[in-house]
Amino acid sequence: MLRKRVIGLILATDMAKHMADGGALKNLCETNEIKEGKNVEKLFTPTDPKANNVNQQLILESVMHSCDVSQAGRPF
């Protein structure tokens, strides 16, 4: 499980999936009515561990991708 999660994080830096991953995160937030830090608890439901894993992976990959993209904008 951990190996799969780490591989997903590495692949999250691929710009070919940028729009699809951004759309998935936007859809997740809209579906759960997450806005301005409210309703975040809806992402993690104790009754569905598989959905929790999917949501956690998407969030981790989005953070990793954001860090990777922002690196190019930093001055030397």
PDB file of N, CA and C in Angstrom:
ATOM      1  N   MET A   1       0.821  -1.192   0.000  1.00  0.00           N
ATOM      2  CA  MET A   1       0.000   0.000   0.000  1.00  0.00           C
ATOM      3  C   MET A   1       0.870   1.263   0.000  1.00  0.00           C
ATOM      4  N   LEU A   2       1.888   1.265   0.856  1.00  0.00           N
ATOM      5  CA  LEU A   2       2.766   2.433   0.927  1.00  0.00           C
ATOM      6  C   LEU A   2       3.529   2.635  -0.380  1.00  0.00           C
ATOM      7  N   ARG A   3       3.978   1.549  -0.971  1.00  0.00           N
ATOM      8  CA  ARG A   3       4.718   1.639  -2.238  1.00  0.00           C
ATOM      9  C   ARG A   3       3.843   2.268  -3.321  1.00  0.00           C
ATOM     10  N   LYS A   4       2.581   1.849  -3.385  1.00  0.00           N
ATOM     11  CA  LYS A   4       1.648   2.383  -4.368  1.00  0.00           C
ATOM     12  C   LYS A   4       1.414   3.878  -4.136  1.00  0.00           C
ATOM     13  N   ARG A   5       1.325   4.270  -2.869  1.00  0.00           N
ATOM     14  CA  ARG A   5       1.099   5.667  -2.528  1.00  0.00           C
ATOM     15  C   ARG A   5       2.305   6.517  -2.932  1.00  0.00           C
ATOM     16  N   VAL A   6       3.507   6.039  -2.684  1.00  0.00           N
ATOM     17  CA  VAL A   6       4.722   6.788  -3.021  1.00  0.00           C
ATOM     18  C   VAL A   6       4.869   6.898  -4.535  1.00  0.00           C
ATOM     19  N   ILE A   7       4.588   5.837  -5.252  1.00  0.00           N
ATOM     20  CA  ILE A   7       4.661   5.880  -6.717  1.00  0.00           C
ATOM     21  C   ILE A   7       3.664   6.898  -7.260  1.00  0.00           C
ATOM     22  N   GLY A   8       2.470   6.935  -6.675  1.00  0.00           N
ATOM     23  CA  GLY A   8       1.472   7.918  -7.081  1.00  0.00           C
ATOM     24  C   GLY A   8       1.949   9.342  -6.853  1.00  0.00           C
ATOM     25  N   LEU A   9       2.658   9.561  -5.746  1.00  0.00           N
ATOM     26  CA  LEU A   9       3.186  10.893  -5.457  1.00  0.00           C
ATOM     27  C   LEU A   9       4.253  11.302  -6.468  1.00  0.00           C
ATOM     28  N   ILE A  10       5.086  10.369  -6.855  1.00  0.00           N
ATOM     29  CA  ILE A  10       6.122  10.669  -7.847  1.00  0.00           C
ATOM     30  C   ILE A  10       5.483  10.983  -9.200  1.00  0.00           C
ATOM     31  N   LEU A  11       4.486  10.197  -9.574  1.00  0.00           N
ATOM     32  CA  LEU A  11       3.817  10.422 -10.850  1.00  0.00           C
ATOM     33  C   LEU A  11       2.969  11.698 -10.842  1.00  0.00           C
ATOM     34  N   ALA A  12       2.626  12.195  -9.670  1.00  0.00           N
ATOM     35  CA  ALA A  12       1.819  13.417  -9.570  1.00  0.00           C
ATOM     36  C   ALA A  12       2.573  14.634 -10.080  1.00  0.00           C
ATOM     37  N   THR A  13       3.880  14.541 -10.208  1.00  0.00           N
ATOM     38  CA  THR A  13       4.664  15.675 -10.705  1.00  0.00           C
ATOM     39  C   THR A  13       4.638  15.763 -12.227  1.00  0.00           C
ATOM     40  N   ASP A  14       3.999  14.818 -12.900  1.00  0.00           N
ATOM     41  CA  ASP A  14       3.922  14.796 -14.358  1.00  0.00           C
ATOM     42  C   ASP A  14       2.925  15.848 -14.840  1.00  0.00           C
ATOM     43  N   MET A  15       3.387  16.785 -15.648  1.00  0.00           N
ATOM     44  CA  MET A  15       2.520  17.865 -16.136  1.00  0.00           C
ATOM     45  C   MET A  15       1.461  17.371 -17.122  1.00  0.00           C
ATOM     46  N   ALA A  16       1.612  16.174 -17.661  1.00  0.00           N
ATOM     47  CA  ALA A  16       0.622  15.639 -18.602  1.00  0.00           C
ATOM     48  C   ALA A  16      -0.731  15.428 -17.923  1.00  0.00           C
ATOM     49  N   LYS A  17      -0.722  15.214 -16.612  1.00  0.00           N
ATOM     50  CA  LYS A  17      -1.958  14.980 -15.869  1.00  0.00           C
ATOM     51  C   LYS A  17      -2.442  16.231 -15.131  1.00  0.00           C
ATOM     52  N   HIS A  18      -1.841  17.380 -15.403  1.00  0.00           N
ATOM     53  CA  HIS A  18      -2.124  18.595 -14.647  1.00  0.00           C
ATOM     54  C   HIS A  18      -3.614  18.958 -14.652  1.00  0.00           C
ATOM     55  N   MET A  19      -4.211  19.029 -15.811  1.00  0.00           N
ATOM     56  CA  MET A  19      -5.614  19.437 -15.910  1.00  0.00           C
ATOM     57  C   MET A  19      -6.549  18.387 -15.316  1.00  0.00           C
ATOM     58  N   ALA A  20      -6.268  17.120 -15.561  1.00  0.00           N
ATOM     59  CA  ALA A  20      -7.131  16.060 -15.034  1.00  0.00           C
ATOM     60  C   ALA A  20      -7.092  16.024 -13.514  1.00  0.00           C
ATOM     61  N   ASP A  21      -5.899  16.143 -12.943  1.00  0.00           N
ATOM     62  CA  ASP A  21      -5.768  16.122 -11.485  1.00  0.00           C
ATOM     63  C   ASP A  21      -6.402  17.360 -10.852  1.00  0.00           C
ATOM     64  N   GLY A  22      -6.220  18.506 -11.487  1.00  0.00           N
ATOM     65  CA  GLY A  22      -6.841  19.731 -10.987  1.00  0.00           C
ATOM     66  C   GLY A  22      -8.356  19.630 -11.027  1.00  0.00           C
ATOM     67  N   GLY A  23      -8.869  19.038 -12.090  1.00  0.00           N
ATOM     68  CA  GLY A  23     -10.317  18.838 -12.210  1.00  0.00           C
ATOM     69  C   GLY A  23     -10.848  17.874 -11.166  1.00  0.00           C
ATOM     70  N   ALA A  24     -10.083  16.840 -10.878  1.00  0.00           N
ATOM     71  CA  ALA A  24     -10.502  15.861  -9.857  1.00  0.00           C
ATOM     72  C   ALA A  24     -10.557  16.507  -8.474  1.00  0.00           C
ATOM     73  N   LEU A  25      -9.570  17.341  -8.168  1.00  0.00           N
ATOM     74  CA  LEU A  25      -9.569  18.026  -6.870  1.00  0.00           C
ATOM     75  C   LEU A  25     -10.719  19.027  -6.779  1.00  0.00           C
ATOM     76  N   LYS A  26     -10.947  19.747  -7.861  1.00  0.00           N
ATOM     77  CA  LYS A  26     -12.063  20.707  -7.890  1.00  0.00           C
ATOM     78  C   LYS A  26     -13.391  19.970  -7.718  1.00  0.00           C
ATOM     79  N   ASN A  27     -13.552  18.857  -8.395  1.00  0.00           N
ATOM     80  CA  ASN A  27     -14.772  18.065  -8.285  1.00  0.00           C
ATOM     81  C   ASN A  27     -14.970  17.551  -6.862  1.00  0.00           C
ATOM     82  N   LEU A  28     -13.900  17.086  -6.245  1.00  0.00           N
ATOM     83  CA  LEU A  28     -13.974  16.591  -4.871  1.00  0.00           C
ATOM     84  C   LEU A  28     -14.427  17.702  -3.923  1.00  0.00           C
ATOM     85  N   CYS A  29     -13.874  18.884  -4.101  1.00  0.00           N
ATOM     86  CA  CYS A  29     -14.248  20.015  -3.241  1.00  0.00           C
ATOM     87  C   CYS A  29     -15.684  20.452  -3.488  1.00  0.00           C
ATOM     88  N   GLU A  30     -16.103  20.494  -4.743  1.00  0.00           N
ATOM     89  CA  GLU A  30     -17.474  20.897  -5.049  1.00  0.00           C
ATOM     90  C   GLU A  30     -18.485  19.870  -4.569  1.00  0.00           C
ATOM     91  N   THR A  31     -18.166  18.598  -4.728  1.00  0.00           N
ATOM     92  CA  THR A  31     -19.068  17.529  -4.299  1.00  0.00           C
ATOM     93  C   THR A  31     -19.298  17.577  -2.794  1.00  0.00           C
ATOM     94  N   ASN A  32     -18.250  17.861  -2.046  1.00  0.00           N
ATOM     95  CA  ASN A  32     -18.349  17.890  -0.581  1.00  0.00           C
ATOM     96  C   ASN A  32     -18.594  19.293  -0.034  1.00  0.00           C
ATOM     97  N   GLU A  33     -18.844  20.246  -0.935  1.00  0.00           N
ATOM     98  CA  GLU A  33     -19.130  21.632  -0.560  1.00  0.00           C
ATOM     99  C   GLU A  33     -18.030  22.223   0.335  1.00  0.00           C
ATOM    100  N   ILE A  34     -16.791  21.965  -0.045  1.00  0.00           N
ATOM    101  CA  ILE A  34     -15.645  22.481   0.705  1.00  0.00           C
ATOM    102  C   ILE A  34     -15.274  23.831   0.122  1.00  0.00           C
ATOM    103  N   LYS A  35     -15.328  24.845   0.978  1.00  0.00           N
ATOM    104  CA  LYS A  35     -14.995  26.195   0.530  1.00  0.00           C
ATOM    105  C   LYS A  35     -14.514  26.991   1.729  1.00  0.00           C
ATOM    106  N   GLU A  36     -13.407  27.677   1.530  1.00  0.00           N
ATOM    107  CA  GLU A  36     -12.832  28.531   2.566  1.00  0.00           C
ATOM    108  C   GLU A  36     -12.591  27.778   3.876  1.00  0.00           C
ATOM    109  N   GLY A  37     -12.142  26.546   3.782  1.00  0.00           N
ATOM    110  CA  GLY A  37     -11.792  25.756   4.962  1.00  0.00           C
ATOM    111  C   GLY A  37     -12.970  25.139   5.697  1.00  0.00           C
ATOM    112  N   LYS A  38     -14.164  25.258   5.156  1.00  0.00           N
ATOM    113  CA  LYS A  38     -15.345  24.696   5.814  1.00  0.00           C
ATOM    114  C   LYS A  38     -15.726  23.372   5.177  1.00  0.00           C
ATOM    115  N   ASN A  39     -16.267  22.462   5.958  1.00  0.00           N
ATOM    116  CA  ASN A  39     -16.740  21.136   5.538  1.00  0.00           C
ATOM    117  C   ASN A  39     -15.606  20.171   5.185  1.00  0.00           C
ATOM    118  N   VAL A  40     -14.409  20.444   5.628  1.00  0.00           N
ATOM    119  CA  VAL A  40     -13.271  19.572   5.323  1.00  0.00           C
ATOM    120  C   VAL A  40     -13.471  18.172   5.911  1.00  0.00           C
ATOM    121  N   GLU A  41     -14.171  18.084   7.013  1.00  0.00           N
ATOM    122  CA  GLU A  41     -14.397  16.791   7.651  1.00  0.00           C
ATOM    123  C   GLU A  41     -15.177  15.830   6.760  1.00  0.00           C
ATOM    124  N   LYS A  42     -15.859  16.332   5.736  1.00  0.00           N
ATOM    125  CA  LYS A  42     -16.605  15.468   4.825  1.00  0.00           C
ATOM    126  C   LYS A  42     -15.686  14.589   3.977  1.00  0.00           C
ATOM    127  N   LEU A  43     -14.421  14.963   3.885  1.00  0.00           N
ATOM    128  CA  LEU A  43     -13.465  14.169   3.098  1.00  0.00           C
ATOM    129  C   LEU A  43     -13.154  12.826   3.740  1.00  0.00           C
ATOM    130  N   PHE A  44     -13.290  12.742   5.044  1.00  0.00           N
ATOM    131  CA  PHE A  44     -12.876  11.547   5.772  1.00  0.00           C
ATOM    132  C   PHE A  44     -14.049  10.958   6.523  1.00  0.00           C
ATOM    133  N   THR A  45     -14.602   9.890   5.970  1.00  0.00           N
ATOM    134  CA  THR A  45     -15.752   9.236   6.594  1.00  0.00           C
ATOM    135  C   THR A  45     -15.298   7.931   7.235  1.00  0.00           C
ATOM    136  N   PRO A  46     -15.623   7.721   8.499  1.00  0.00           N
ATOM    137  CA  PRO A  46     -15.175   6.505   9.178  1.00  0.00           C
ATOM    138  C   PRO A  46     -15.821   5.227   8.637  1.00  0.00           C
ATOM    139  N   THR A  47     -16.915   5.348   7.904  1.00  0.00           N
ATOM    140  CA  THR A  47     -17.612   4.159   7.402  1.00  0.00           C
ATOM    141  C   THR A  47     -17.067   3.658   6.074  1.00  0.00           C
ATOM    142  N   ASP A  48     -16.238   4.448   5.400  1.00  0.00           N
ATOM    143  CA  ASP A  48     -15.741   4.049   4.082  1.00  0.00           C
ATOM    144  C   ASP A  48     -14.229   4.256   3.979  1.00  0.00           C
ATOM    145  N   PRO A  49     -13.440   3.277   4.451  1.00  0.00           N
ATOM    146  CA  PRO A  49     -11.978   3.441   4.422  1.00  0.00           C
ATOM    147  C   PRO A  49     -11.402   3.539   3.011  1.00  0.00           C
ATOM    148  N   LYS A  50     -12.042   2.904   2.024  1.00  0.00           N
ATOM    149  CA  LYS A  50     -11.528   2.979   0.660  1.00  0.00           C
ATOM    150  C   LYS A  50     -11.647   4.414   0.127  1.00  0.00           C
ATOM    151  N   ALA A  51     -12.787   5.051   0.381  1.00  0.00           N
ATOM    152  CA  ALA A  51     -12.961   6.444  -0.045  1.00  0.00           C
ATOM    153  C   ALA A  51     -11.967   7.344   0.672  1.00  0.00           C
ATOM    154  N   ASN A  52     -11.691   7.054   1.932  1.00  0.00           N
ATOM    155  CA  ASN A  52     -10.696   7.832   2.675  1.00  0.00           C
ATOM    156  C   ASN A  52      -9.334   7.747   2.003  1.00  0.00           C
ATOM    157  N   ASN A  53      -8.938   6.544   1.619  1.00  0.00           N
ATOM    158  CA  ASN A  53      -7.639   6.362   0.970  1.00  0.00           C
ATOM    159  C   ASN A  53      -7.572   7.108  -0.356  1.00  0.00           C
ATOM    160  N   VAL A  54      -8.649   7.046  -1.137  1.00  0.00           N
ATOM    161  CA  VAL A  54      -8.674   7.738  -2.424  1.00  0.00           C
ATOM    162  C   VAL A  54      -8.568   9.246  -2.215  1.00  0.00           C
ATOM    163  N   ASN A  55      -9.327   9.776  -1.258  1.00  0.00           N
ATOM    164  CA  ASN A  55      -9.298  11.209  -0.981  1.00  0.00           C
ATOM    165  C   ASN A  55      -7.931  11.648  -0.458  1.00  0.00           C
ATOM    166  N   GLN A  56      -7.366  10.867   0.443  1.00  0.00           N
ATOM    167  CA  GLN A  56      -6.049  11.202   0.978  1.00  0.00           C
ATOM    168  C   GLN A  56      -4.999  11.211  -0.127  1.00  0.00           C
ATOM    169  N   GLN A  57      -5.050  10.221  -1.005  1.00  0.00           N
ATOM    170  CA  GLN A  57      -4.068  10.144  -2.089  1.00  0.00           C
ATOM    171  C   GLN A  57      -4.201  11.341  -3.023  1.00  0.00           C
ATOM    172  N   LEU A  58      -5.424  11.717  -3.350  1.00  0.00           N
ATOM    173  CA  LEU A  58      -5.638  12.866  -4.235  1.00  0.00           C
ATOM    174  C   LEU A  58      -5.105  14.151  -3.604  1.00  0.00           C
ATOM    175  N   ILE A  59      -5.348  14.323  -2.332  1.00  0.00           N
ATOM    176  CA  ILE A  59      -4.866  15.520  -1.630  1.00  0.00           C
ATOM    177  C   ILE A  59      -3.343  15.529  -1.565  1.00  0.00           C
ATOM    178  N   LEU A  60      -2.746  14.394  -1.222  1.00  0.00           N
ATOM    179  CA  LEU A  60      -1.283  14.316  -1.174  1.00  0.00           C
ATOM    180  C   LEU A  60      -0.657  14.588  -2.542  1.00  0.00           C
ATOM    181  N   GLU A  61      -1.248  14.017  -3.591  1.00  0.00           N
ATOM    182  CA  GLU A  61      -0.721  14.235  -4.937  1.00  0.00           C
ATOM    183  C   GLU A  61      -0.867  15.696  -5.360  1.00  0.00           C
ATOM    184  N   SER A  62      -1.956  16.332  -4.968  1.00  0.00           N
ATOM    185  CA  SER A  62      -2.163  17.744  -5.303  1.00  0.00           C
ATOM    186  C   SER A  62      -1.141  18.627  -4.609  1.00  0.00           C
ATOM    187  N   VAL A  63      -0.839  18.324  -3.363  1.00  0.00           N
ATOM    188  CA  VAL A  63       0.168  19.092  -2.629  1.00  0.00           C
ATOM    189  C   VAL A  63       1.540  18.890  -3.262  1.00  0.00           C
ATOM    190  N   MET A  64       1.863  17.655  -3.608  1.00  0.00           N
ATOM    191  CA  MET A  64       3.157  17.363  -4.230  1.00  0.00           C
ATOM    192  C   MET A  64       3.285  18.080  -5.570  1.00  0.00           C
ATOM    193  N   HIS A  65       2.230  18.065  -6.362  1.00  0.00           N
ATOM    194  CA  HIS A  65       2.248  18.727  -7.663  1.00  0.00           C
ATOM    195  C   HIS A  65       2.389  20.245  -7.489  1.00  0.00           C
ATOM    196  N   SER A  66       1.698  20.802  -6.517  1.00  0.00           N
ATOM    197  CA  SER A  66       1.798  22.242  -6.263  1.00  0.00           C
ATOM    198  C   SER A  66       3.224  22.634  -5.892  1.00  0.00           C
ATOM    199  N   CYS A  67       3.845  21.831  -5.065  1.00  0.00           N
ATOM    200  CA  CYS A  67       5.239  22.106  -4.678  1.00  0.00           C
ATOM    201  C   CYS A  67       6.161  22.018  -5.883  1.00  0.00           C
ATOM    202  N   ASP A  68       5.941  21.042  -6.736  1.00  0.00           N
ATOM    203  CA  ASP A  68       6.780  20.853  -7.906  1.00  0.00           C
ATOM    204  C   ASP A  68       6.625  22.014  -8.884  1.00  0.00           C
ATOM    205  N   VAL A  69       5.400  22.445  -9.101  1.00  0.00           N
ATOM    206  CA  VAL A  69       5.139  23.548 -10.038  1.00  0.00           C
ATOM    207  C   VAL A  69       5.699  24.852  -9.477  1.00  0.00           C
ATOM    208  N   SER A  70       5.568  25.074  -8.195  1.00  0.00           N
ATOM    209  CA  SER A  70       6.015  26.346  -7.610  1.00  0.00           C
ATOM    210  C   SER A  70       7.539  26.465  -7.592  1.00  0.00           C
ATOM    211  N   GLN A  71       8.253  25.369  -7.630  1.00  0.00           N
ATOM    212  CA  GLN A  71       9.703  25.395  -7.594  1.00  0.00           C
ATOM    213  C   GLN A  71      10.287  26.191  -8.763  1.00  0.00           C
ATOM    214  N   ALA A  72       9.666  26.094  -9.916  1.00  0.00           N
ATOM    215  CA  ALA A  72      10.186  26.800 -11.100  1.00  0.00           C
ATOM    216  C   ALA A  72      10.069  28.307 -10.970  1.00  0.00           C
ATOM    217  N   GLY A  73       9.170  28.773 -10.124  1.00  0.00           N
ATOM    218  CA  GLY A  73       8.968  30.199  -9.959  1.00  0.00           C
ATOM    219  C   GLY A  73       9.867  30.850  -8.923  1.00  0.00           C
ATOM    220  N   ARG A  74      10.671  30.060  -8.252  1.00  0.00           N
ATOM    221  CA  ARG A  74      11.555  30.612  -7.205  1.00  0.00           C
ATOM    222  C   ARG A  74      12.802  31.199  -7.831  1.00  0.00           C
ATOM    223  N   PRO A  75      13.298  32.299  -7.300  1.00  0.00           N
ATOM    224  CA  PRO A  75      14.540  32.878  -7.822  1.00  0.00           C
ATOM    225  C   PRO A  75      15.744  32.025  -7.401  1.00  0.00           C
ATOM    226  N   PHE A  76      16.822  32.126  -8.166  1.00  0.00           N
ATOM    227  CA  PHE A  76      18.025  31.364  -7.853  1.00  0.00           C
ATOM    228  C   PHE A  76      18.657  31.866  -6.621  1.00  0.00           C
TER     229      PHE A  76
END
